[in-house]
C-alpha atoms as a PDB file:
ATOM      1  CA  MET A   1       0.142   0.010  -0.023  1.00  0.00           C
ATOM      2  CA  TRP A   2       2.821   2.448   0.852  1.00  0.00           C
ATOM      3  CA  LEU A   3       4.492   1.359  -2.450  1.00  0.00           C
ATOM      4  CA  SER A   4       1.338   2.257  -4.490  1.00  0.00           C
ATOM      5  CA  ALA A   5       1.317   5.745  -2.677  1.00  0.00           C
ATOM      6  CA  VAL A   6       4.933   6.427  -3.621  1.00  0.00           C
ATOM      7  CA  SER A   7       4.334   5.487  -7.279  1.00  0.00           C
ATOM      8  CA  ARG A   8       1.276   7.732  -7.461  1.00  0.00           C
ATOM      9  CA  GLY A   9       3.497  10.631  -5.969  1.00  0.00           C
ATOM     10  CA  ALA A  10       6.113   9.873  -8.747  1.00  0.00           C
ATOM     11  CA  ARG A  11       3.334  10.143 -11.390  1.00  0.00           C
ATOM     12  CA  PHE A  12       1.861  13.138  -9.997  1.00  0.00           C
ATOM     13  CA  GLU A  13       5.426  14.722 -10.156  1.00  0.00           C
ATOM     14  CA  ARG A  14       5.890  13.751 -13.655  1.00  0.00           C
ATOM     15  CA  ARG A  15       2.540  14.960 -14.810  1.00  0.00           C
ATOM     16  CA  PHE A  16       2.616  18.350 -13.057  1.00  0.00           C
ATOM     17  CA  TYR A  17       6.298  19.089 -13.190  1.00  0.00           C
ATOM     18  CA  PRO A  18       7.564  18.369 -16.610  1.00  0.00           C
ATOM     19  CA  PHE A  19      11.204  19.033 -15.859  1.00  0.00           C
ATOM     20  CA  PRO A  20      12.993  16.394 -13.545  1.00  0.00           C
ATOM     21  CA  PHE A  21      13.779  17.854 -10.127  1.00  0.00           C
ATOM     22  CA  GLU A  22      17.432  18.758  -9.630  1.00  0.00           C
ATOM     23  CA  PRO A  23      19.117  16.629  -7.027  1.00  0.00           C
ATOM     24  CA  PRO A  24      20.444  18.642  -4.119  1.00  0.00           C
ATOM     25  CA  PRO A  25      24.064  19.587  -4.489  1.00  0.00           C
ATOM     26  CA  ALA A  26      26.872  17.522  -3.179  1.00  0.00           C
ATOM     27  CA  ARG A  27      27.395  18.101   0.604  1.00  0.00           C
ATOM     28  CA  GLY A  28      30.977  19.619   0.084  1.00  0.00           C
ATOM     29  CA  ARG A  29      29.709  21.929  -2.718  1.00  0.00           C
ATOM     30  CA  LEU A  30      26.742  23.120  -0.398  1.00  0.00           C
ATOM     31  CA  ASP A  31      29.386  23.805   2.376  1.00  0.00           C
ATOM     32  CA  ALA A  32      31.488  25.823   0.016  1.00  0.00           C
ATOM     33  CA  LEU A  33      28.585  27.840  -1.236  1.00  0.00           C
ATOM     34  CA  LEU A  34      27.144  28.440   2.112  1.00  0.00           C
ATOM     35  CA  ARG A  35      30.544  29.552   3.481  1.00  0.00           C
ATOM     36  CA  GLU A  36      31.196  31.760   0.314  1.00  0.00           C
ATOM     37  CA  ARG A  37      27.673  33.480   0.923  1.00  0.00           C
ATOM     38  CA  LEU A  38      27.852  33.734   4.758  1.00  0.00           C
ATOM     39  CA  PHE A  39      31.425  34.540   5.280  1.00  0.00           C
ATOM     40  CA  GLY A  40      32.778  36.025   1.877  1.00  0.00           C
ATOM     41  CA  ARG A  41      36.578  36.149   1.470  1.00  0.00           C
ATOM     42  CA  ALA A  42      37.089  36.806   4.823  1.00  0.00           C
ATOM     43  CA  PRO A  43      35.800  35.014   8.133  1.00  0.00           C
ATOM     44  CA  HIS A  44      35.207  38.055  10.184  1.00  0.00           C
ATOM     45  CA  ILE A  45      32.739  39.710   7.622  1.00  0.00           C
ATOM     46  CA  GLY A  46      30.302  36.665   8.014  1.00  0.00           C
ATOM     47  CA  VAL A  47      30.205  37.454  11.957  1.00  0.00           C
ATOM     48  CA  ILE A  48      29.483  41.107  11.103  1.00  0.00           C
ATOM     49  CA  ARG A  49      26.912  40.129   8.521  1.00  0.00           C
ATOM     50  CA  ILE A  50      25.191  37.910  11.096  1.00  0.00           C
ATOM     51  CA  GLY A  51      25.418  40.637  13.806  1.00  0.00           C
ATOM     52  CA  GLU A  52      23.916  43.190  11.344  1.00  0.00           C
ATOM     53  CA  ASP A  53      21.215  40.882  10.360  1.00  0.00           C
ATOM     54  CA  LEU A  54      20.255  40.153  13.992  1.00  0.00           C
ATOM     55  CA  ILE A  55      20.291  44.000  14.890  1.00  0.00           C
ATOM     56  CA  HIS A  56      17.839  44.488  11.762  1.00  0.00           C
ATOM     57  CA  TYR A  57      15.378  41.964  13.095  1.00  0.00           C
ATOM     58  CA  VAL A  58      15.374  43.312  16.605  1.00  0.00           C
ATOM     59  CA  VAL A  59      14.986  46.784  15.058  1.00  0.00           C
ATOM     60  CA  ALA A  60      12.204  45.663  13.062  1.00  0.00           C
ATOM     61  CA  LEU A  61      10.459  43.980  16.036  1.00  0.00           C
ATOM     62  CA  VAL A  62      10.680  46.972  18.022  1.00  0.00           C
ATOM     63  CA  LEU A  63       9.433  49.289  15.300  1.00  0.00           C
ATOM     64  CA  LEU A  64       6.360  47.045  14.808  1.00  0.00           C
ATOM     65  CA  ALA A  65       5.757  47.030  18.605  1.00  0.00           C
ATOM     66  CA  VAL A  66       6.134  50.745  18.753  1.00  0.00           C
ATOM     67  CA  ALA A  67       3.575  51.109  15.928  1.00  0.00           C
ATOM     68  CA  GLY A  68       1.125  48.900  17.568  1.00  0.00           C
ATOM     69  CA  ILE A  69       1.503  50.659  20.924  1.00  0.00           C
ATOM     70  CA  VAL A  70       0.973  54.198  19.344  1.00  0.00           C
ATOM     71  CA  LEU A  71      -1.894  52.879  17.236  1.00  0.00           C
ATOM     72  CA  PHE A  72      -3.642  51.220  20.411  1.00  0.00           C
ATOM     73  CA  ARG A  73      -2.854  54.364  22.406  1.00  0.00           C
ATOM     74  CA  SER A  74      -4.425  56.809  19.885  1.00  0.00           C
ATOM     75  CA  ALA A  75      -7.644  54.491  19.792  1.00  0.00           C
ATOM     76  CA  TYR A  76      -7.655  54.454  23.577  1.00  0.00           C
ATOM     77  CA  ASP A  77      -7.257  58.173  23.993  1.00  0.00           C
ATOM     78  CA  LEU A  78      -9.796  58.815  21.370  1.00  0.00           C
ATOM     79  CA  ALA A  79     -12.378  56.569  23.020  1.00  0.00           C
ATOM     80  CA  THR A  80     -11.500  58.069  26.737  1.00  0.00           C
ATOM     81  CA  SER A  81     -10.742  61.462  26.125  1.00  0.00           C
ATOM     82  CA  ASN A  82     -12.319  64.378  27.948  1.00  0.00           C
ATOM     83  CA  GLN A  83     -11.416  66.827  25.229  1.00  0.00           C
ATOM     84  CA  ALA A  84     -13.732  68.142  22.687  1.00  0.00           C
ATOM     85  CA  PHE A  85     -14.271  65.441  19.783  1.00  0.00           C
ATOM     86  CA  ALA A  86     -12.402  67.672  17.124  1.00  0.00           C
ATOM     87  CA  ALA A  87      -9.292  67.917  19.572  1.00  0.00           C
ATOM     88  CA  ALA A  88      -9.482  64.256  20.389  1.00  0.00           C
ATOM     89  CA  ALA A  89      -9.912  63.245  16.742  1.00  0.00           C
ATOM     90  CA  THR A  90      -6.967  65.526  15.672  1.00  0.00           C
ATOM     91  CA  THR A  91      -4.992  63.920  18.195  1.00  0.00           C
ATOM     92  CA  ALA A  92      -5.856  60.465  17.130  1.00  0.00           C
ATOM     93  CA  VAL A  93      -5.236  61.183  13.293  1.00  0.00           C
ATOM     94  CA  ASN A  94      -1.587  62.510  14.381  1.00  0.00           C
ATOM     95  CA  GLY A  95      -1.079  59.324  16.221  1.00  0.00           C
ATOM     96  CA  VAL A  96      -2.240  57.081  13.403  1.00  0.00           C
ATOM     97  CA  LEU A  97      -0.002  58.928  10.871  1.00  0.00           C
ATOM     98  CA  PHE A  98       2.854  58.544  13.303  1.00  0.00           C
ATOM     99  CA  ALA A  99       2.260  54.808  13.377  1.00  0.00           C
ATOM    100  CA  ILE A 100       2.241  54.805   9.590  1.00  0.00           C
ATOM    101  CA  ILE A 101       5.680  56.639   9.602  1.00  0.00           C
ATOM    102  CA  VAL A 102       7.035  53.973  12.063  1.00  0.00           C
ATOM    103  CA  LEU A 103       5.683  51.199   9.780  1.00  0.00           C
ATOM    104  CA  GLU A 104       7.347  52.780   6.779  1.00  0.00           C
ATOM    105  CA  VAL A 105      10.518  52.853   8.731  1.00  0.00           C
ATOM    106  CA  MET A 106      10.196  49.272   9.484  1.00  0.00           C
ATOM    107  CA  ARG A 107       9.440  48.577   5.799  1.00  0.00           C
ATOM    108  CA  THR A 108      12.797  50.171   5.071  1.00  0.00           C
ATOM    109  CA  VAL A 109      14.541  47.841   7.358  1.00  0.00           C
ATOM    110  CA  ILE A 110      12.806  44.732   5.657  1.00  0.00           C
ATOM    111  CA  ALA A 111      13.731  46.071   2.257  1.00  0.00           C
ATOM    112  CA  HIS A 112      17.299  45.787   3.424  1.00  0.00           C
ATOM    113  CA  PHE A 113      16.851  42.122   3.749  1.00  0.00           C
ATOM    114  CA  GLU A 114      15.005  41.804   0.397  1.00  0.00           C
ATOM    115  CA  ARG A 115      17.326  43.769  -1.763  1.00  0.00           C
ATOM    116  CA  GLY A 116      20.399  44.942   0.480  1.00  0.00           C
ATOM    117  CA  GLY A 117      21.804  48.335   0.709  1.00  0.00           C
ATOM    118  CA  LEU A 118      20.161  51.487   1.156  1.00  0.00           C
ATOM    119  CA  GLN A 119      16.666  52.059  -0.027  1.00  0.00           C
ATOM    120  CA  LEU A 120      15.911  55.613  -1.078  1.00  0.00           C
ATOM    121  CA  GLN A 121      12.294  55.428  -2.024  1.00  0.00           C
ATOM    122  CA  PRO A 122      10.842  54.345   1.399  1.00  0.00           C
ATOM    123  CA  PHE A 123      12.569  57.508   2.998  1.00  0.00           C
ATOM    124  CA  LEU A 124      11.152  59.920   0.407  1.00  0.00           C
ATOM    125  CA  ILE A 125       7.682  58.276   1.276  1.00  0.00           C
ATOM    126  CA  ILE A 126       8.489  58.767   4.972  1.00  0.00           C
ATOM    127  CA  GLY A 127       9.257  62.461   4.365  1.00  0.00           C
ATOM    128  CA  ILE A 128       6.064  62.817   2.321  1.00  0.00           C
ATOM    129  CA  ILE A 129       3.873  61.278   5.106  1.00  0.00           C
ATOM    130  CA  SER A 130       5.792  63.484   7.776  1.00  0.00           C
ATOM    131  CA  ALA A 131       5.134  66.642   5.993  1.00  0.00           C
ATOM    132  CA  VAL A 132       1.386  65.604   5.299  1.00  0.00           C
ATOM    133  CA  ARG A 133       1.115  64.905   8.977  1.00  0.00           C
ATOM    134  CA  GLY A 134       2.618  68.320   9.709  1.00  0.00           C
ATOM    135  CA  ILE A 135       0.008  69.905   7.333  1.00  0.00           C
ATOM    136  CA  LEU A 136      -2.799  68.151   8.976  1.00  0.00           C
ATOM    137  CA  ALA A 137      -1.419  69.212  12.380  1.00  0.00           C
ATOM    138  CA  VAL A 138      -1.159  72.960  11.555  1.00  0.00           C
ATOM    139  CA  GLY A 139      -4.746  72.963   9.952  1.00  0.00           C
ATOM    140  CA  ALA A 140      -6.229  71.247  12.886  1.00  0.00           C
ATOM    141  CA  ARG A 141      -4.501  73.785  15.310  1.00  0.00           C
ATOM    142  CA  LEU A 142      -5.754  76.721  13.122  1.00  0.00           C
ATOM    143  CA  SER A 143      -9.262  75.486  12.974  1.00  0.00           C
ATOM    144  CA  LEU A 144      -9.511  74.592  16.517  1.00  0.00           C
ATOM    145  CA  GLN A 145      -7.696  77.949  17.663  1.00  0.00           C
ATOM    146  CA  GLY A 146     -10.355  80.073  16.112  1.00  0.00           C
ATOM    147  CA  THR A 147     -10.214  83.570  14.986  1.00  0.00           C
ATOM    148  CA  ALA A 148      -9.392  85.124  18.539  1.00  0.00           C
ATOM    149  CA  GLU A 149      -5.759  84.727  18.520  1.00  0.00           C
ATOM    150  CA  ALA A 150      -4.790  86.461  15.255  1.00  0.00           C
ATOM    151  CA  GLY A 151      -1.576  88.089  14.200  1.00  0.00           C
ATOM    152  CA  ARG A 152       1.718  86.384  14.729  1.00  0.00           C
ATOM    153  CA  ALA A 153       0.555  82.966  15.438  1.00  0.00           C
ATOM    154  CA  VAL A 154      -1.390  82.695  12.236  1.00  0.00           C
ATOM    155  CA  HIS A 155       1.391  83.965  10.231  1.00  0.00           C
ATOM    156  CA  ASP A 156       3.805  81.428  11.586  1.00  0.00           C
ATOM    157  CA  ALA A 157       1.173  78.740  11.031  1.00  0.00           C
ATOM    158  CA  LEU A 158       0.763  79.819   7.359  1.00  0.00           C
ATOM    159  CA  LEU A 159       4.291  79.851   6.979  1.00  0.00           C
ATOM    160  CA  GLU A 160       4.673  76.271   8.341  1.00  0.00           C
ATOM    161  CA  LEU A 161       1.908  75.234   5.949  1.00  0.00           C
ATOM    162  CA  GLY A 162       3.600  76.606   3.054  1.00  0.00           C
ATOM    163  CA  VAL A 163       6.972  74.898   3.803  1.00  0.00           C
ATOM    164  CA  ASN A 164       5.347  71.579   4.247  1.00  0.00           C
ATOM    165  CA  ALA A 165       3.570  71.860   1.104  1.00  0.00           C
ATOM    166  CA  ALA A 166       6.794  72.605  -0.800  1.00  0.00           C
ATOM    167  CA  VAL A 167       8.332  69.878   1.008  1.00  0.00           C
ATOM    168  CA  VAL A 168       5.379  67.417  -0.057  1.00  0.00           C
ATOM    169  CA  VAL A 169       5.770  68.665  -3.635  1.00  0.00           C
ATOM    170  CA  GLY A 170       9.562  68.389  -3.838  1.00  0.00           C
ATOM    171  CA  LEU A 171       9.718  64.884  -2.279  1.00  0.00           C
ATOM    172  CA  ALA A 172       6.700  63.856  -4.500  1.00  0.00           C
ATOM    173  CA  LEU A 173       8.594  64.911  -7.594  1.00  0.00           C
ATOM    174  CA  SER A 174      11.773  63.199  -6.486  1.00  0.00           C
ATOM    175  CA  LEU A 175       9.899  60.077  -5.861  1.00  0.00           C
ATOM    176  CA  VAL A 176       8.424  60.376  -9.569  1.00  0.00           C
ATOM    177  CA  LEU A 177      11.750  61.025 -11.105  1.00  0.00           C
ATOM    178  CA  ILE A 178      13.449  58.119  -9.203  1.00  0.00           C
ATOM    179  CA  ARG A 179      10.678  55.827 -10.297  1.00  0.00           C
ATOM    180  CA  ARG A 180      10.881  56.933 -13.787  1.00  0.00           C
ATOM    181  CA  LEU A 181      14.743  56.672 -13.880  1.00  0.00           C
ATOM    182  CA  ALA A 182      14.801  53.332 -12.305  1.00  0.00           C
ATOM    183  CA  GLY A 183      11.844  52.043 -14.740  1.00  0.00           C
ATOM    184  CA  MET A 184       9.475  51.443 -11.770  1.00  0.00           C
ATOM    185  CA  THR A 185       5.861  51.792 -11.921  1.00  0.00           C
ATOM    186  CA  GLU A 186       4.515  50.366  -8.540  1.00  0.00           C
ATOM    187  CA  ASP A 187       5.564  50.236  -4.852  1.00  0.00           C
ATOM    188  CA  PRO A 188       8.548  48.255  -3.971  1.00  0.00           C
END
């Protein structure tokens, strides 16, 4: 009975996988390949690579925990706040945008594992989100402030809005140019 199941498995492999499976490399060749990839030409580089990967894993886990805590705290503060709803909602949106920024930083760490090296696009996206967060915070502060406090505070807030808008436009143009030059059409 076991023999018939094995032969059925072989028929399944032949039918659905037209190319024969490659045998695993010889033990010595596998060891040499692993040693070359892990340690490179110098043994101390492998130790550094392992340490770097471990630190990146820890950083990714800490960033994930921070984003989760910020998100939970924002929702909890929104539900239990004694402030006016507009102020509490503004604080919650600010917290959610901060969590998104932290997740984008974590995504950059993950991209290091996938592609290696420094990834520029995630940092541009983080900058855009941060500038939009600043625009939303200033806009909310102005709307909650009312017209009673005019003058220098409004001038400073409008200047901050203009600078953040210019940052968003500049970073968005940079992102478009980088993607076009690299031939990319969608997110990494």
